[in-house]
Amino acid sequence: MKELRCRDVGFDCDAVVRAETEEEVLRQGAEHARTTHGLTNLDADTVKGIQSKIRTI
């Protein structure tokens, strides 16, 4: 199981995304970023930074 905490990528937000794969965590995280934080475009460097915060639980 993989996990990404929104707070770990710099937001004052308690959301946590959990999924079986890193790809699914990124998909769900992008949806959360879009709907909750208004982020529509994430460049490759930002995505790499977010990937580095995904943990195996």
Protein backbone atom coordinates (compact mmCIF):
# COMPACT_ATOMS: atom_id res chain seq x y z
CA MET A 1 0.00 0.00 0.00
CA LYS A 2 1.25 3.49 -0.90
CA GLU A 3 0.39 6.73 0.89
CA LEU A 4 0.75 10.45 0.21
CA ARG A 5 -0.08 13.11 2.79
CA CYS A 6 -1.05 16.47 1.37
CA ARG A 7 0.71 18.19 4.27
CA ASP A 8 3.99 16.49 3.24
CA VAL A 9 3.96 18.36 -0.08
CA GLY A 10 3.49 21.73 1.55
CA PHE A 11 -0.23 22.29 2.01
CA ASP A 12 -1.99 23.04 5.29
CA CYS A 13 -4.31 20.13 4.58
CA ASP A 14 -4.98 16.86 6.40
CA ALA A 15 -5.92 14.87 3.29
CA VAL A 16 -4.24 11.49 2.84
CA VAL A 17 -4.32 9.48 -0.38
CA ARG A 18 -3.81 5.72 -0.18
CA ALA A 19 -3.74 3.22 -3.01
CA GLU A 20 -2.07 0.00 -4.08
CA THR A 21 0.23 1.62 -6.64
CA GLU A 22 2.24 4.82 -6.90
CA GLU A 23 0.48 5.62 -10.17
CA GLU A 24 -2.93 5.45 -8.49
CA VAL A 25 -1.72 7.63 -5.61
CA LEU A 26 -0.52 10.20 -8.14
CA ARG A 27 -3.83 10.08 -10.02
CA GLN A 28 -5.88 10.54 -6.86
CA GLY A 29 -3.46 13.17 -5.57
CA ALA A 30 -3.75 15.16 -8.80
CA GLU A 31 -7.55 15.03 -8.56
CA HIS A 32 -7.38 16.24 -4.94
CA ALA A 33 -4.96 19.04 -5.91
CA ARG A 34 -7.30 20.14 -8.70
CA THR A 35 -10.58 20.02 -6.81
CA THR A 36 -9.40 21.16 -3.38
CA HIS A 37 -6.42 23.42 -4.06
CA GLY A 38 -7.21 24.67 -7.56
CA LEU A 39 -4.00 23.31 -9.11
CA THR A 40 -4.51 22.47 -12.75
CA ASN A 41 -1.01 22.11 -14.20
CA LEU A 42 1.85 20.33 -12.48
CA ASP A 43 5.21 20.43 -14.22
CA ALA A 44 7.54 17.43 -14.32
CA ASP A 45 9.75 18.73 -11.50
CA THR A 46 6.74 19.20 -9.22
CA VAL A 47 5.50 15.68 -9.98
CA LYS A 48 8.97 14.28 -9.17
CA GLY A 49 8.94 16.14 -5.86
CA ILE A 50 5.51 14.77 -5.05
CA GLN A 51 6.60 11.24 -5.99
CA SER A 52 9.47 11.50 -3.52
CA LYS A 53 6.91 12.03 -0.72
CA ILE A 54 4.96 8.83 -1.43
CA ARG A 55 5.55 6.28 1.31
CA THR A 56 5.00 2.55 1.48
CA ILE A 57 2.83 1.64 4.45
